Each structure stands twice: as C-alpha cells, then as structure tokens.
Amino acid sequence: MGPMEWVVVVLIAVLLFGHRLPEVGRSLGRGIVEFKKGIEGVKDENGDNMSG
C-alpha cells in the first residue's frame, strides 16, 4: 500500500470509529501488554525446563 492508500484508510477509520478511538487505543494497548507478559512467561518456562 502506498502512502495515499494509508491516508484513505486512516480517514475512513476516523470517520467510522472517531468517537470510540480512545477506547479502541486503550484496548489495543492492554492487549499488547498482556501478549508481551504471556511471551515472557513462556520464555521463563522454557528457560527453567532447559536448565533442569
């Protein structure tokens, strides 16, 4: 996708979700944090299994 296509996509997203964007952003941020915590937990479990 070129830059103009991204501009169009962003404009459509703002028009459709403008009043909900803060809520969507918070939800996305929480999801990313939980995903990272899950990944770290898996890394910790794998590291413990490898050493023992």
Protein backbone atom coordinates (compact mmCIF):
# COMPACT_ATOMS: atom_id res chain seq x y z
CA MET A 1 0.00 0.00 0.00
CA GLY A 2 1.23 3.43 -0.86
CA PRO A 3 1.01 6.50 1.37
CA MET A 4 -2.21 7.74 -0.21
CA GLU A 5 -3.94 4.44 0.47
CA TRP A 6 -2.91 4.64 4.12
CA VAL A 7 -4.30 8.18 4.35
CA VAL A 8 -7.63 6.97 2.96
CA VAL A 9 -7.71 4.02 5.38
CA VAL A 10 -6.95 6.29 8.35
CA LEU A 11 -9.63 8.78 7.32
CA ILE A 12 -12.21 6.03 7.00
CA ALA A 13 -11.21 4.64 10.40
CA VAL A 14 -11.57 8.09 11.98
CA LEU A 15 -14.98 8.57 10.39
CA LEU A 16 -16.23 5.17 11.50
CA PHE A 17 -14.61 4.94 14.93
CA GLY A 18 -13.90 8.58 15.81
CA HIS A 19 -15.95 8.61 18.99
CA ARG A 20 -14.52 5.24 20.08
CA LEU A 21 -10.85 5.74 19.17
CA PRO A 22 -9.65 6.38 22.75
CA GLU A 23 -11.39 3.20 23.92
CA VAL A 24 -10.00 1.21 20.99
CA GLY A 25 -6.50 2.53 21.70
CA ARG A 26 -6.69 1.56 25.36
CA SER A 27 -7.94 -1.91 24.49
CA LEU A 28 -5.19 -2.37 21.93
CA GLY A 29 -2.56 -1.21 24.42
CA ARG A 30 -3.82 -3.60 27.09
CA GLY A 31 -3.83 -6.44 24.59
CA ILE A 32 -0.24 -5.75 23.61
CA VAL A 33 0.87 -5.62 27.25
CA GLU A 34 -0.88 -8.92 28.02
CA PHE A 35 0.65 -10.51 24.93
CA LYS A 36 4.15 -9.41 25.99
CA LYS A 37 3.56 -10.76 29.51
CA GLY A 38 2.49 -14.08 28.03
CA ILE A 39 5.56 -14.25 25.82
CA GLU A 40 7.83 -13.52 28.78
CA GLY A 41 6.08 -16.24 30.79
CA VAL A 42 6.68 -18.77 28.03
CA LYS A 43 10.33 -17.74 27.79
CA ASP A 44 10.73 -18.15 31.56
CA GLU A 45 9.11 -21.60 31.49
CA ASN A 46 11.31 -22.74 28.61
CA GLY A 47 14.43 -21.46 30.33
CA ASP A 48 13.58 -23.32 33.55
CA ASN A 49 12.97 -26.58 31.67
CA MET A 50 16.23 -26.32 29.75
CA SER A 51 18.37 -25.87 32.86
CA GLY A 52 16.99 -28.74 34.92
